[in-house]
Amino acid sequence: GGGQMLICVYGEGWYQEWGKPARHLKAGDVVNIPANVKHWHG
């Protein structure tokens, strides 16, 4: 199990998994992050 879910509620941001392109985020976007995946957001 495990992992994380992000539900974007305001503004604009970024999410990126290691070795993949960054994904632009805005209010209404949902990010499902599986367990054991290296990533950042902001």
Full PDB file with SEQRES, HELIX, SHEET, SSBOND, CRYST1, ORIGX, SCALE, CONECT and MASTER records, all heavy atoms in Angstrom:
SEQRES   1 A   42  GLY GLY GLY GLN MET LEU ILE CYS VAL TYR GLY GLU GLY          
SEQRES   2 A   42  TRP TYR GLN GLU TRP GLY LYS PRO ALA ARG HIS LEU LYS          
SEQRES   3 A   42  ALA GLY ASP VAL VAL ASN ILE PRO ALA ASN VAL LYS HIS          
SEQRES   4 A   42  TRP HIS GLY                                                  
SHEET    1 AA1 2 GLN A   4  ILE A   7  0                                        
SHEET    2 AA1 2 VAL A  30  ILE A  33 -1                                        
SHEET    1 AA2 3 ARG A  23  LYS A  26  0                                        
SHEET    2 AA2 3 GLU A  12  GLU A  17 -1                                        
SHEET    3 AA2 3 HIS A  39  HIS A  41 -1                                        
CRYST1    1.000    1.000    1.000  90.00  90.00  90.00 P 1           1          
ORIGX1      1.000000  0.000000  0.000000        0.00000                         
ORIGX2      0.000000  1.000000  0.000000        0.00000                         
ORIGX3      0.000000  0.000000  1.000000        0.00000                         
SCALE1      1.000000  0.000000  0.000000        0.00000                         
SCALE2      0.000000  1.000000  0.000000        0.00000                         
SCALE3      0.000000  0.000000  1.000000        0.00000                         
ATOM      1  N   GLY A   1       0.841  -1.201   0.000  1.00  0.00           N  
ATOM      2  CA  GLY A   1       0.000   0.000   0.000  1.00  0.00           C  
ATOM      3  C   GLY A   1       0.868   1.239   0.000  1.00  0.00           C  
ATOM      4  O   GLY A   1       1.947   1.259  -0.569  1.00  0.00           O  
ATOM      5  N   GLY A   2       0.380   2.289   0.647  1.00  0.00           N  
ATOM      6  CA  GLY A   2       1.158   3.506   0.808  1.00  0.00           C  
ATOM      7  C   GLY A   2       1.136   4.417  -0.406  1.00  0.00           C  
ATOM      8  O   GLY A   2       0.350   4.244  -1.332  1.00  0.00           O  
ATOM      9  N   GLY A   3       1.990   5.411  -0.370  1.00  0.00           N  
ATOM     10  CA  GLY A   3       2.057   6.419  -1.414  1.00  0.00           C  
ATOM     11  C   GLY A   3       1.416   7.713  -0.949  1.00  0.00           C  
ATOM     12  O   GLY A   3       1.181   7.926   0.242  1.00  0.00           O  
ATOM     13  N   GLN A   4       1.109   8.561  -1.903  1.00  0.00           N  
ATOM     14  CA  GLN A   4       0.570   9.879  -1.595  1.00  0.00           C  
ATOM     15  C   GLN A   4      -0.353  10.316  -2.727  1.00  0.00           C  
ATOM     16  O   GLN A   4      -0.152   9.927  -3.876  1.00  0.00           O  
ATOM     17  CB  GLN A   4       1.717  10.882  -1.440  1.00  0.00           C  
ATOM     18  CG  GLN A   4       1.301  12.268  -0.978  1.00  0.00           C  
ATOM     19  CD  GLN A   4       2.487  13.198  -0.818  1.00  0.00           C  
ATOM     20  OE1 GLN A   4       3.348  13.271  -1.681  1.00  0.00           O  
ATOM     21  NE2 GLN A   4       2.532  13.919   0.297  1.00  0.00           N  
ATOM     22  N   MET A   5      -1.354  11.122  -2.394  1.00  0.00           N  
ATOM     23  CA  MET A   5      -2.207  11.741  -3.399  1.00  0.00           C  
ATOM     24  C   MET A   5      -2.213  13.240  -3.155  1.00  0.00           C  
ATOM     25  O   MET A   5      -2.320  13.693  -2.013  1.00  0.00           O  
ATOM     26  CB  MET A   5      -3.638  11.213  -3.345  1.00  0.00           C  
ATOM     27  CG  MET A   5      -4.509  11.798  -4.449  1.00  0.00           C  
ATOM     28  SD  MET A   5      -6.275  11.388  -4.363  1.00  0.00           S  
ATOM     29  CE  MET A   5      -6.255   9.658  -4.074  1.00  0.00           C  
ATOM     30  N   LEU A   6      -2.068  14.006  -4.239  1.00  0.00           N  
ATOM     31  CA  LEU A   6      -2.132  15.459  -4.171  1.00  0.00           C  
ATOM     32  C   LEU A   6      -3.375  15.920  -4.916  1.00  0.00           C  
ATOM     33  O   LEU A   6      -3.615  15.498  -6.049  1.00  0.00           O  
ATOM     34  CB  LEU A   6      -0.909  16.091  -4.831  1.00  0.00           C  
ATOM     35  CG  LEU A   6       0.468  15.611  -4.375  1.00  0.00           C  
ATOM     36  CD1 LEU A   6       1.563  16.311  -5.175  1.00  0.00           C  
ATOM     37  CD2 LEU A   6       0.653  15.828  -2.885  1.00  0.00           C  
ATOM     38  N   ILE A   7      -4.157  16.797  -4.288  1.00  0.00           N  
ATOM     39  CA  ILE A   7      -5.318  17.404  -4.922  1.00  0.00           C  
ATOM     40  C   ILE A   7      -5.055  18.901  -4.942  1.00  0.00           C  
ATOM     41  O   ILE A   7      -5.010  19.555  -3.893  1.00  0.00           O  
ATOM     42  CB  ILE A   7      -6.612  17.077  -4.156  1.00  0.00           C  
ATOM     43  CG1 ILE A   7      -6.813  15.558  -4.094  1.00  0.00           C  
ATOM     44  CG2 ILE A   7      -7.809  17.768  -4.817  1.00  0.00           C  
ATOM     45  CD1 ILE A   7      -7.910  15.116  -3.155  1.00  0.00           C  
ATOM     46  N   CYS A   8      -4.836  19.450  -6.117  1.00  0.00           N  
ATOM     47  CA  CYS A   8      -4.457  20.856  -6.266  1.00  0.00           C  
ATOM     48  C   CYS A   8      -5.688  21.735  -6.094  1.00  0.00           C  
ATOM     49  O   CYS A   8      -6.712  21.505  -6.742  1.00  0.00           O  
ATOM     50  CB  CYS A   8      -3.817  21.072  -7.623  1.00  0.00           C  
ATOM     51  SG  CYS A   8      -2.412  19.966  -7.906  1.00  0.00           S  
ATOM     52  N   VAL A   9      -5.580  22.746  -5.221  1.00  0.00           N  
ATOM     53  CA  VAL A   9      -6.743  23.572  -4.901  1.00  0.00           C  
ATOM     54  C   VAL A   9      -6.539  25.066  -5.178  1.00  0.00           C  
ATOM     55  O   VAL A   9      -7.513  25.821  -5.148  1.00  0.00           O  
ATOM     56  CB  VAL A   9      -7.210  23.363  -3.434  1.00  0.00           C  
ATOM     57  CG1 VAL A   9      -7.685  21.934  -3.221  1.00  0.00           C  
ATOM     58  CG2 VAL A   9      -6.122  23.727  -2.441  1.00  0.00           C  
ATOM     59  N   TYR A  10      -5.306  25.504  -5.453  1.00  0.00           N  
ATOM     60  CA  TYR A  10      -5.092  26.923  -5.714  1.00  0.00           C  
ATOM     61  C   TYR A  10      -3.766  27.130  -6.437  1.00  0.00           C  
ATOM     62  O   TYR A  10      -2.757  26.497  -6.105  1.00  0.00           O  
ATOM     63  CB  TYR A  10      -5.076  27.723  -4.404  1.00  0.00           C  
ATOM     64  CG  TYR A  10      -4.923  29.213  -4.632  1.00  0.00           C  
ATOM     65  CD1 TYR A  10      -6.036  30.018  -4.840  1.00  0.00           C  
ATOM     66  CD2 TYR A  10      -3.667  29.792  -4.666  1.00  0.00           C  
ATOM     67  CE1 TYR A  10      -5.892  31.385  -5.088  1.00  0.00           C  
ATOM     68  CE2 TYR A  10      -3.511  31.146  -4.902  1.00  0.00           C  
ATOM     69  CZ  TYR A  10      -4.632  31.932  -5.118  1.00  0.00           C  
ATOM     70  OH  TYR A  10      -4.479  33.276  -5.361  1.00  0.00           O  
ATOM     71  N   GLY A  11      -3.757  28.058  -7.387  1.00  0.00           N  
ATOM     72  CA  GLY A  11      -2.525  28.489  -8.032  1.00  0.00           C  
ATOM     73  C   GLY A  11      -1.964  27.500  -9.029  1.00  0.00           C  
ATOM     74  O   GLY A  11      -2.679  26.643  -9.555  1.00  0.00           O  
ATOM     75  N   GLU A  12      -0.662  27.647  -9.273  1.00  0.00           N  
ATOM     76  CA  GLU A  12       0.039  26.790 -10.223  1.00  0.00           C  
ATOM     77  C   GLU A  12       1.293  26.224  -9.589  1.00  0.00           C  
ATOM     78  O   GLU A  12       1.951  26.896  -8.793  1.00  0.00           O  
ATOM     79  CB  GLU A  12       0.426  27.586 -11.474  1.00  0.00           C  
ATOM     80  CG  GLU A  12      -0.778  28.056 -12.261  1.00  0.00           C  
ATOM     81  CD  GLU A  12      -0.373  28.748 -13.551  1.00  0.00           C  
ATOM     82  OE1 GLU A  12       0.607  28.316 -14.182  1.00  0.00           O  
ATOM     83  OE2 GLU A  12      -1.042  29.731 -13.899  1.00  0.00           O  
ATOM     84  N   GLY A  13       1.606  24.991  -9.957  1.00  0.00           N  
ATOM     85  CA  GLY A  13       2.782  24.336  -9.400  1.00  0.00           C  
ATOM     86  C   GLY A  13       3.341  23.300 -10.339  1.00  0.00           C  
ATOM     87  O   GLY A  13       2.963  23.215 -11.514  1.00  0.00           O  
ATOM     88  N   TRP A  14       4.225  22.485  -9.785  1.00  0.00           N  
ATOM     89  CA  TRP A  14       4.912  21.438 -10.547  1.00  0.00           C  
ATOM     90  C   TRP A  14       4.986  20.153  -9.732  1.00  0.00           C  
ATOM     91  O   TRP A  14       5.064  20.183  -8.506  1.00  0.00           O  
ATOM     92  CB  TRP A  14       6.334  21.877 -10.894  1.00  0.00           C  
ATOM     93  CG  TRP A  14       6.375  23.022 -11.832  1.00  0.00           C  
ATOM     94  CD1 TRP A  14       6.546  24.344 -11.510  1.00  0.00           C  
ATOM     95  CD2 TRP A  14       6.225  22.977 -13.247  1.00  0.00           C  
ATOM     96  NE1 TRP A  14       6.516  25.111 -12.642  1.00  0.00           N  
ATOM     97  CE2 TRP A  14       6.320  24.304 -13.724  1.00  0.00           C  
ATOM     98  CE3 TRP A  14       6.020  21.942 -14.164  1.00  0.00           C  
ATOM     99  CZ2 TRP A  14       6.219  24.620 -15.081  1.00  0.00           C  
ATOM    100  CZ3 TRP A  14       5.918  22.262 -15.507  1.00  0.00           C  
ATOM    101  CH2 TRP A  14       6.015  23.587 -15.958  1.00  0.00           C  
ATOM    102  N   TYR A  15       5.002  19.040 -10.460  1.00  0.00           N  
ATOM    103  CA  TYR A  15       5.238  17.716  -9.887  1.00  0.00           C  
ATOM    104  C   TYR A  15       6.180  17.009 -10.837  1.00  0.00           C  
ATOM    105  O   TYR A  15       6.008  17.076 -12.061  1.00  0.00           O  
ATOM    106  CB  TYR A  15       3.934  16.920  -9.762  1.00  0.00           C  
ATOM    107  CG  TYR A  15       4.162  15.456  -9.485  1.00  0.00           C  
ATOM    108  CD1 TYR A  15       4.498  15.037  -8.208  1.00  0.00           C  
ATOM    109  CD2 TYR A  15       4.093  14.502 -10.491  1.00  0.00           C  
ATOM    110  CE1 TYR A  15       4.747  13.695  -7.941  1.00  0.00           C  
ATOM    111  CE2 TYR A  15       4.338  13.162 -10.232  1.00  0.00           C  
ATOM    112  CZ  TYR A  15       4.664  12.769  -8.964  1.00  0.00           C  
ATOM    113  OH  TYR A  15       4.921  11.446  -8.705  1.00  0.00           O  
ATOM    114  N   GLN A  16       7.168  16.313 -10.287  1.00  0.00           N  
ATOM    115  CA  GLN A  16       8.088  15.563 -11.138  1.00  0.00           C  
ATOM    116  C   GLN A  16       8.525  14.282 -10.465  1.00  0.00           C  
ATOM    117  O   GLN A  16       8.851  14.275  -9.273  1.00  0.00           O  
ATOM    118  CB  GLN A  16       9.319  16.415 -11.471  1.00  0.00           C  
ATOM    119  CG  GLN A  16      10.252  15.736 -12.450  1.00  0.00           C  
ATOM    120  CD  GLN A  16      11.401  16.644 -12.875  1.00  0.00           C  
ATOM    121  OE1 GLN A  16      11.715  17.644 -12.238  1.00  0.00           O  
ATOM    122  NE2 GLN A  16      12.037  16.272 -13.975  1.00  0.00           N  
ATOM    123  N   GLU A  17       8.513  13.209 -11.235  1.00  0.00           N  
ATOM    124  CA  GLU A  17       9.081  11.930 -10.805  1.00  0.00           C  
ATOM    125  C   GLU A  17      10.486  11.831 -11.366  1.00  0.00           C  
ATOM    126  O   GLU A  17      10.769  12.334 -12.462  1.00  0.00           O  
ATOM    127  CB  GLU A  17       8.227  10.763 -11.309  1.00  0.00           C  
ATOM    128  CG  GLU A  17       6.871  10.704 -10.664  1.00  0.00           C  
ATOM    129  CD  GLU A  17       6.025   9.514 -11.119  1.00  0.00           C  
ATOM    130  OE1 GLU A  17       6.514   8.659 -11.892  1.00  0.00           O  
ATOM    131  OE2 GLU A  17       4.856   9.462 -10.707  1.00  0.00           O  
ATOM    132  N   TRP A  18      11.347  11.169 -10.631  1.00  0.00           N  
ATOM    133  CA  TRP A  18      12.742  11.000 -11.018  1.00  0.00           C  
ATOM    134  C   TRP A  18      12.816  10.398 -12.426  1.00  0.00           C  
ATOM    135  O   TRP A  18      12.156   9.406 -12.712  1.00  0.00           O  
ATOM    136  CB  TRP A  18      13.429  10.077 -10.014  1.00  0.00           C  
ATOM    137  CG  TRP A  18      14.905  10.002 -10.183  1.00  0.00           C  
ATOM    138  CD1 TRP A  18      15.604   9.021 -10.802  1.00  0.00           C  
ATOM    139  CD2 TRP A  18      15.864  10.948  -9.716  1.00  0.00           C  
ATOM    140  NE1 TRP A  18      16.935   9.290 -10.763  1.00  0.00           N  
ATOM    141  CE2 TRP A  18      17.132  10.476 -10.099  1.00  0.00           C  
ATOM    142  CE3 TRP A  18      15.772  12.150  -9.020  1.00  0.00           C  
ATOM    143  CZ2 TRP A  18      18.305  11.159  -9.804  1.00  0.00           C  
ATOM    144  CZ3 TRP A  18      16.942  12.831  -8.724  1.00  0.00           C  
ATOM    145  CH2 TRP A  18      18.187  12.336  -9.117  1.00  0.00           C  
ATOM    146  N   GLY A  19      13.594  11.031 -13.296  1.00  0.00           N  
ATOM    147  CA  GLY A  19      13.799  10.513 -14.650  1.00  0.00           C  
ATOM    148  C   GLY A  19      12.681  10.831 -15.632  1.00  0.00           C  
ATOM    149  O   GLY A  19      12.724  10.383 -16.779  1.00  0.00           O  
ATOM    150  N   LYS A  20      11.679  11.601 -15.204  1.00  0.00           N  
ATOM    151  CA  LYS A  20      10.560  11.951 -16.080  1.00  0.00           C  
ATOM    152  C   LYS A  20      10.436  13.467 -16.176  1.00  0.00           C  
ATOM    153  O   LYS A  20      10.914  14.191 -15.308  1.00  0.00           O  
ATOM    154  CB  LYS A  20       9.252  11.363 -15.539  1.00  0.00           C  
ATOM    155  CG  LYS A  20       9.228   9.851 -15.559  1.00  0.00           C  
ATOM    156  CD  LYS A  20       7.873   9.334 -15.125  1.00  0.00           C  
ATOM    157  CE  LYS A  20       7.842   7.810 -15.149  1.00  0.00           C  
ATOM    158  NZ  LYS A  20       6.531   7.306 -14.712  1.00  0.00           N  
ATOM    159  N   PRO A  21       9.759  13.967 -17.228  1.00  0.00           N  
ATOM    160  CA  PRO A  21       9.555  15.413 -17.320  1.00  0.00           C  
ATOM    161  C   PRO A  21       8.632  15.925 -16.217  1.00  0.00           C  
ATOM    162  O   PRO A  21       7.767  15.192 -15.730  1.00  0.00           O  
ATOM    163  CB  PRO A  21       8.899  15.618 -18.687  1.00  0.00           C  
ATOM    164  CG  PRO A  21       8.820  14.294 -19.348  1.00  0.00           C  
ATOM    165  CD  PRO A  21       9.223  13.242 -18.353  1.00  0.00           C  
ATOM    166  N   ALA A  22       8.808  17.185 -15.841  1.00  0.00           N  
ATOM    167  CA  ALA A  22       7.942  17.810 -14.833  1.00  0.00           C  
ATOM    168  C   ALA A  22       6.543  18.016 -15.417  1.00  0.00           C  
ATOM    169  O   ALA A  22       6.393  18.280 -16.608  1.00  0.00           O  
ATOM    170  CB  ALA A  22       8.535  19.143 -14.380  1.00  0.00           C  
ATOM    171  N   ARG A  23       5.552  17.903 -14.549  1.00  0.00           N  
ATOM    172  CA  ARG A  23       4.147  18.084 -14.935  1.00  0.00           C  
ATOM    173  C   ARG A  23       3.646  19.388 -14.327  1.00  0.00           C  
ATOM    174  O   ARG A  23       3.728  19.579 -13.107  1.00  0.00           O  
ATOM    175  CB  ARG A  23       3.344  16.898 -14.414  1.00  0.00           C  
ATOM    176  CG  ARG A  23       1.851  17.020 -14.629  1.00  0.00           C  
ATOM    177  CD  ARG A  23       1.124  15.806 -14.048  1.00  0.00           C  
ATOM    178  NE  ARG A  23      -0.297  16.105 -13.919  1.00  0.00           N  
ATOM    179  CZ  ARG A  23      -1.155  15.357 -13.239  1.00  0.00           C  
ATOM    180  NH1 ARG A  23      -0.749  14.251 -12.625  1.00  0.00           N  
ATOM    181  NH2 ARG A  23      -2.417  15.708 -13.162  1.00  0.00           N  
ATOM    182  N   HIS A  24       3.116  20.271 -15.166  1.00  0.00           N  
ATOM    183  CA  HIS A  24       2.540  21.527 -14.698  1.00  0.00           C  
ATOM    184  C   HIS A  24       1.215  21.231 -14.008  1.00  0.00           C  
ATOM    185  O   HIS A  24       0.399  20.460 -14.521  1.00  0.00           O  
ATOM    186  CB  HIS A  24       2.326  22.478 -15.885  1.00  0.00           C  
ATOM    187  CG  HIS A  24       1.753  23.782 -15.496  1.00  0.00           C  
ATOM    188  ND1 HIS A  24       0.469  24.149 -15.802  1.00  0.00           N  
ATOM    189  CD2 HIS A  24       2.279  24.825 -14.795  1.00  0.00           C  
ATOM    190  CE1 HIS A  24       0.233  25.351 -15.334  1.00  0.00           C  
ATOM    191  NE2 HIS A  24       1.310  25.784 -14.711  1.00  0.00           N  
ATOM    192  N   LEU A  25       0.980  21.842 -12.846  1.00  0.00           N  
ATOM    193  CA  LEU A  25      -0.238  21.604 -12.065  1.00  0.00           C  
ATOM    194  C   LEU A  25      -1.023  22.894 -11.885  1.00  0.00           C  
ATOM    195  O   LEU A  25      -0.432  23.973 -11.767  1.00  0.00           O  
ATOM    196  CB  LEU A  25       0.120  21.055 -10.683  1.00  0.00           C  
ATOM    197  CG  LEU A  25       0.900  19.749 -10.631  1.00  0.00           C  
ATOM    198  CD1 LEU A  25       1.286  19.425  -9.200  1.00  0.00           C  
ATOM    199  CD2 LEU A  25       0.109  18.617 -11.264  1.00  0.00           C  
ATOM    200  N   LYS A  26      -2.347  22.739 -11.847  1.00  0.00           N  
ATOM    201  CA  LYS A  26      -3.237  23.866 -11.568  1.00  0.00           C  
ATOM    202  C   LYS A  26      -4.398  23.353 -10.732  1.00  0.00           C  
ATOM    203  O   LYS A  26      -4.589  22.136 -10.597  1.00  0.00           O  
ATOM    204  CB  LYS A  26      -3.727  24.510 -12.859  1.00  0.00           C  
ATOM    205  CG  LYS A  26      -4.491  23.577 -13.760  1.00  0.00           C  
ATOM    206  CD  LYS A  26      -4.736  24.198 -15.118  1.00  0.00           C  
ATOM    207  CE  LYS A  26      -5.509  23.307 -16.042  1.00  0.00           C  
ATOM    208  NZ  LYS A  26      -5.180  21.914 -16.085  1.00  0.00           N  
ATOM    209  N   ALA A  27      -5.175  24.269 -10.175  1.00  0.00           N  
ATOM    210  CA  ALA A  27      -6.320  23.891  -9.338  1.00  0.00           C  
ATOM    211  C   ALA A  27      -7.212  22.913 -10.100  1.00  0.00           C  
ATOM    212  O   ALA A  27      -7.503  23.118 -11.272  1.00  0.00           O  
ATOM    213  CB  ALA A  27      -7.102  25.129  -8.931  1.00  0.00           C  
ATOM    214  N   GLY A  28      -7.595  21.844  -9.414  1.00  0.00           N  
ATOM    215  CA  GLY A  28      -8.436  20.807  -9.998  1.00  0.00           C  
ATOM    216  C   GLY A  28      -7.656  19.579 -10.423  1.00  0.00           C  
ATOM    217  O   GLY A  28      -8.243  18.516 -10.636  1.00  0.00           O  
ATOM    218  N   ASP A  29      -6.335  19.684 -10.560  1.00  0.00           N  
ATOM    219  CA  ASP A  29      -5.524  18.522 -10.930  1.00  0.00           C  
ATOM    220  C   ASP A  29      -5.340  17.595  -9.738  1.00  0.00           C  
ATOM    221  O   ASP A  29      -5.293  18.035  -8.585  1.00  0.00           O  
ATOM    222  CB  ASP A  29      -4.145  18.952 -11.435  1.00  0.00           C  
ATOM    223  CG  ASP A  29      -4.180  19.603 -12.809  1.00  0.00           C  
ATOM    224  OD1 ASP A  29      -5.188  19.425 -13.523  1.00  0.00           O  
ATOM    225  OD2 ASP A  29      -3.201  20.287 -13.155  1.00  0.00           O  
ATOM    226  N   VAL A  30      -5.215  16.305 -10.032  1.00  0.00           N  
ATOM    227  CA  VAL A  30      -4.973  15.278  -9.019  1.00  0.00           C  
ATOM    228  C   VAL A  30      -3.730  14.508  -9.434  1.00  0.00           C  
ATOM    229  O   VAL A  30      -3.575  14.155 -10.608  1.00  0.00           O  
ATOM    230  CB  VAL A  30      -6.179  14.328  -8.887  1.00  0.00           C  
ATOM    231  CG1 VAL A  30      -5.875  13.196  -7.917  1.00  0.00           C  
ATOM    232  CG2 VAL A  30      -7.420  15.090  -8.448  1.00  0.00           C  
ATOM    233  N   VAL A  31      -2.846  14.254  -8.480  1.00  0.00           N  
ATOM    234  CA  VAL A  31      -1.630  13.491  -8.735  1.00  0.00           C  
ATOM    235  C   VAL A  31      -1.644  12.277  -7.820  1.00  0.00           C  
ATOM    236  O   VAL A  31      -1.725  12.413  -6.598  1.00  0.00           O  
ATOM    237  CB  VAL A  31      -0.362  14.331  -8.463  1.00  0.00           C  
ATOM    238  CG1 VAL A  31       0.895  13.514  -8.743  1.00  0.00           C  
ATOM    239  CG2 VAL A  31      -0.378  15.618  -9.270  1.00  0.00           C  
ATOM    240  N   ASN A  32      -1.583  11.091  -8.412  1.00  0.00           N  
ATOM    241  CA  ASN A  32      -1.487   9.847  -7.645  1.00  0.00           C  
ATOM    242  C   ASN A  32      -0.031   9.402  -7.666  1.00  0.00           C  
ATOM    243  O   ASN A  32       0.524   9.145  -8.741  1.00  0.00           O  
ATOM    244  CB  ASN A  32      -2.376   8.770  -8.270  1.00  0.00           C  
ATOM    245  CG  ASN A  32      -3.836   9.103  -8.097  1.00  0.00           C  
ATOM    246  OD1 ASN A  32      -4.368   9.008  -7.008  1.00  0.00           O  
ATOM    247  ND2 ASN A  32      -4.475   9.528  -9.174  1.00  0.00           N  
ATOM    248  N   ILE A  33       0.581   9.335  -6.506  1.00  0.00           N  
ATOM    249  CA  ILE A  33       1.998   9.000  -6.392  1.00  0.00           C  
ATOM    250  C   ILE A  33       2.118   7.625  -5.747  1.00  0.00           C  
ATOM    251  O   ILE A  33       1.813   7.472  -4.558  1.00  0.00           O  
ATOM    252  CB  ILE A  33       2.746  10.050  -5.544  1.00  0.00           C  
ATOM    253  CG1 ILE A  33       2.475  11.460  -6.093  1.00  0.00           C  
ATOM    254  CG2 ILE A  33       4.239   9.740  -5.504  1.00  0.00           C  
ATOM    255  CD1 ILE A  33       2.868  12.579  -5.156  1.00  0.00           C  
ATOM    256  N   PRO A  34       2.536   6.626  -6.515  1.00  0.00           N  
ATOM    257  CA  PRO A  34       2.697   5.296  -5.929  1.00  0.00           C  
ATOM    258  C   PRO A  34       3.793   5.290  -4.868  1.00  0.00           C  
ATOM    259  O   PRO A  34       4.693   6.143  -4.876  1.00  0.00           O  
ATOM    260  CB  PRO A  34       3.117   4.424  -7.117  1.00  0.00           C  
ATOM    261  CG  PRO A  34       2.782   5.213  -8.343  1.00  0.00           C  
ATOM    262  CD  PRO A  34       2.867   6.654  -7.936  1.00  0.00           C  
ATOM    263  N   ALA A  35       3.721   4.339  -3.990  1.00  0.00           N  
ATOM    264  CA  ALA A  35       4.780   4.160  -3.000  1.00  0.00           C  
ATOM    265  C   ALA A  35       6.096   3.882  -3.728  1.00  0.00           C  
ATOM    266  O   ALA A  35       6.112   3.343  -4.837  1.00  0.00           O  
ATOM    267  CB  ALA A  35       4.438   2.999  -2.075  1.00  0.00           C  
ATOM    268  N   ASN A  36       7.184   4.294  -3.092  1.00  0.00           N  
ATOM    269  CA  ASN A  36       8.537   3.986  -3.536  1.00  0.00           C  
ATOM    270  C   ASN A  36       8.954   4.703  -4.817  1.00  0.00           C  
ATOM    271  O   ASN A  36       9.876   4.265  -5.501  1.00  0.00           O  
ATOM    272  CB  ASN A  36       8.727   2.464  -3.674  1.00  0.00           C  
ATOM    273  CG  ASN A  36       8.338   1.741  -2.403  1.00  0.00           C  
ATOM    274  OD1 ASN A  36       8.786   2.102  -1.314  1.00  0.00           O  
ATOM    275  ND2 ASN A  36       7.456   0.763  -2.522  1.00  0.00           N  
ATOM    276  N   VAL A  37       8.289   5.815  -5.151  1.00  0.00           N  
ATOM    277  CA  VAL A  37       8.632   6.612  -6.326  1.00  0.00           C  
ATOM    278  C   VAL A  37       9.269   7.920  -5.863  1.00  0.00           C  
ATOM    279  O   VAL A  37       8.659   8.686  -5.105  1.00  0.00           O  
ATOM    280  CB  VAL A  37       7.380   6.904  -7.191  1.00  0.00           C  
ATOM    281  CG1 VAL A  37       7.693   7.916  -8.286  1.00  0.00           C  
ATOM    282  CG2 VAL A  37       6.847   5.607  -7.793  1.00  0.00           C  
ATOM    283  N   LYS A  38      10.478   8.192  -6.325  1.00  0.00           N  
ATOM    284  CA  LYS A  38      11.179   9.427  -5.976  1.00  0.00           C  
ATOM    285  C   LYS A  38      10.559  10.583  -6.763  1.00  0.00           C  
ATOM    286  O   LYS A  38      10.392  10.484  -7.990  1.00  0.00           O  
ATOM    287  CB  LYS A  38      12.672   9.282  -6.301  1.00  0.00           C  
ATOM    288  CG  LYS A  38      13.532  10.408  -5.791  1.00  0.00           C  
ATOM    289  CD  LYS A  38      15.013  10.079  -6.027  1.00  0.00           C  
ATOM    290  CE  LYS A  38      15.914  11.146  -5.463  1.00  0.00           C  
ATOM    291  NZ  LYS A  38      17.342  10.787  -5.650  1.00  0.00           N  
ATOM    292  N   HIS A  39      10.230  11.679  -6.061  1.00  0.00           N  
ATOM    293  CA  HIS A  39       9.526  12.798  -6.684  1.00  0.00           C  
ATOM    294  C   HIS A  39       9.703  14.075  -5.869  1.00  0.00           C  
ATOM    295  O   HIS A  39      10.220  14.042  -4.761  1.00  0.00           O  
ATOM    296  CB  HIS A  39       8.029  12.471  -6.813  1.00  0.00           C  
ATOM    297  CG  HIS A  39       7.347  12.364  -5.482  1.00  0.00           C  
ATOM    298  ND1 HIS A  39       7.465  11.258  -4.667  1.00  0.00           N  
ATOM    299  CD2 HIS A  39       6.582  13.247  -4.801  1.00  0.00           C  
ATOM    300  CE1 HIS A  39       6.782  11.458  -3.554  1.00  0.00           C  
ATOM    301  NE2 HIS A  39       6.234  12.669  -3.610  1.00  0.00           N  
ATOM    302  N   TRP A  40       9.227  15.186  -6.447  1.00  0.00           N  
ATOM    303  CA  TRP A  40       9.135  16.463  -5.726  1.00  0.00           C  
ATOM    304  C   TRP A  40       7.897  17.187  -6.235  1.00  0.00           C  
ATOM    305  O   TRP A  40       7.361  16.873  -7.290  1.00  0.00           O  
ATOM    306  CB  TRP A  40      10.392  17.320  -5.898  1.00  0.00           C  
ATOM    307  CG  TRP A  40      10.587  17.883  -7.280  1.00  0.00           C  
ATOM    308  CD1 TRP A  40      11.262  17.291  -8.306  1.00  0.00           C  
ATOM    309  CD2 TRP A  40      10.103  19.132  -7.789  1.00  0.00           C  
ATOM    310  NE1 TRP A  40      11.221  18.087  -9.417  1.00  0.00           N  
ATOM    311  CE2 TRP A  40      10.513  19.229  -9.127  1.00  0.00           C  
ATOM    312  CE3 TRP A  40       9.353  20.168  -7.241  1.00  0.00           C  
ATOM    313  CZ2 TRP A  40      10.220  20.320  -9.936  1.00  0.00           C  
ATOM    314  CZ3 TRP A  40       9.044  21.270  -8.034  1.00  0.00           C  
ATOM    315  CH2 TRP A  40       9.485  21.339  -9.362  1.00  0.00           C  
ATOM    316  N   HIS A  41       7.455  18.212  -5.476  1.00  0.00           N  
ATOM    317  CA  HIS A  41       6.351  19.057  -5.897  1.00  0.00           C  
ATOM    318  C   HIS A  41       6.496  20.421  -5.240  1.00  0.00           C  
ATOM    319  O   HIS A  41       7.135  20.555  -4.196  1.00  0.00           O  
ATOM    320  CB  HIS A  41       4.973  18.438  -5.604  1.00  0.00           C  
ATOM    321  CG  HIS A  41       4.882  17.612  -4.366  1.00  0.00           C  
ATOM    322  ND1 HIS A  41       4.330  18.072  -3.203  1.00  0.00           N  
ATOM    323  CD2 HIS A  41       5.286  16.335  -4.122  1.00  0.00           C  
ATOM    324  CE1 HIS A  41       4.380  17.114  -2.283  1.00  0.00           C  
ATOM    325  NE2 HIS A  41       4.962  16.052  -2.810  1.00  0.00           N  
ATOM    326  N   GLY A  42       5.900  21.426  -5.884  1.00  0.00           N  
ATOM    327  CA  GLY A  42       5.978  22.768  -5.334  1.00  0.00           C  
ATOM    328  C   GLY A  42       5.368  23.785  -6.262  1.00  0.00           C  
ATOM    329  O   GLY A  42       4.755  23.442  -7.277  1.00  0.00           O  
TER     330      GLY A  42                                                      
MASTER        0    0    0    0    5    0    0    6  329    1    0    4          
END                                                                             
